Amino acid sequence: MKHTFAPYLKHLGKTPEEQLEKNKPLMTWLQQKMEEKVTEEEAEENSKNWEIVKEIIDNNRPSGQKLFSRG
């Protein structure tokens, strides 16, 4: 019996080319975001928010498997 995860991974393409096609809208959006000018205040707030996200991620991982901190 062959096991497959395909029914659970409908967002994935069947081929690399199909996946790239599915990714195009997000890739375009990301490119636009990367080209946007950010004020110093926005950059500071983004940095603070990123620190919070990293802390949340690490707090939900077992000790010894932290991604952003030691422990």
Protein backbone atom coordinates (compact mmCIF):
# COMPACT_ATOMS: atom_id res chain seq x y z
CA MET A 1 0.00 0.00 0.00
CA LYS A 2 1.43 3.35 -1.05
CA HIS A 3 1.03 6.21 1.41
CA THR A 4 0.69 9.72 0.12
CA PHE A 5 0.27 13.09 1.72
CA ALA A 6 -1.08 14.67 -1.49
CA PRO A 7 -4.68 15.02 -0.24
CA TYR A 8 -3.38 17.05 2.71
CA LEU A 9 -1.01 19.23 0.70
CA LYS A 10 -3.37 20.82 -1.82
CA HIS A 11 -1.37 24.05 -1.71
CA LEU A 12 1.69 22.29 -3.15
CA GLY A 13 2.36 21.90 -6.85
CA LYS A 14 2.84 18.48 -8.39
CA THR A 15 6.02 19.60 -10.14
CA PRO A 16 8.61 22.27 -9.33
CA GLU A 17 7.31 24.30 -12.27
CA GLU A 18 3.72 24.11 -10.98
CA GLN A 19 4.88 25.15 -7.52
CA LEU A 20 6.74 28.14 -8.95
CA GLU A 21 3.58 29.15 -10.78
CA LYS A 22 1.58 28.90 -7.54
CA ASN A 23 4.22 30.99 -5.75
CA LYS A 24 4.27 33.86 -8.29
CA PRO A 25 1.63 36.09 -6.63
CA LEU A 26 3.39 35.89 -3.27
CA MET A 27 6.80 36.40 -4.85
CA THR A 28 5.49 39.56 -6.56
CA TRP A 29 4.04 40.83 -3.28
CA LEU A 30 7.31 40.12 -1.43
CA GLN A 31 9.32 41.94 -4.11
CA GLN A 32 7.07 44.99 -3.74
CA LYS A 33 7.47 44.92 0.05
CA MET A 34 11.25 44.69 -0.26
CA GLU A 35 11.30 47.75 -2.52
CA GLU A 36 9.16 49.89 -0.19
CA LYS A 37 10.87 52.70 1.67
CA VAL A 38 10.55 52.30 5.42
CA THR A 39 10.83 55.16 7.89
CA GLU A 40 13.23 54.93 10.79
CA GLU A 41 10.28 54.59 13.18
CA GLU A 42 8.78 51.77 11.12
CA ALA A 43 12.13 50.00 11.00
CA GLU A 44 12.46 50.28 14.78
CA GLU A 45 8.95 48.95 15.35
CA ASN A 46 9.53 46.10 12.89
CA SER A 47 12.71 45.19 14.75
CA LYS A 48 10.90 45.15 18.10
CA ASN A 49 8.10 43.05 16.64
CA TRP A 50 10.60 40.58 15.18
CA GLU A 51 12.21 40.16 18.62
CA ILE A 52 8.77 39.37 20.06
CA VAL A 53 8.08 36.82 17.31
CA LYS A 54 11.43 35.10 17.90
CA GLU A 55 10.74 34.93 21.64
CA ILE A 56 7.29 33.42 21.06
CA ILE A 57 8.71 30.82 18.67
CA ASP A 58 11.48 29.82 21.07
CA ASN A 59 9.12 29.71 24.06
CA ASN A 60 7.09 27.07 22.24
CA ARG A 61 10.07 24.84 21.42
CA PRO A 62 11.67 22.27 23.74
CA SER A 63 14.86 23.15 25.57
CA GLY A 64 17.86 22.43 23.36
CA GLN A 65 15.84 23.04 20.19
CA LYS A 66 15.58 26.80 20.27
CA LEU A 67 15.98 28.55 16.93
CA PHE A 68 16.89 32.05 18.05
CA SER A 69 18.25 31.73 21.58
CA ARG A 70 20.37 29.34 23.55
CA GLY A 71 18.78 26.92 25.94
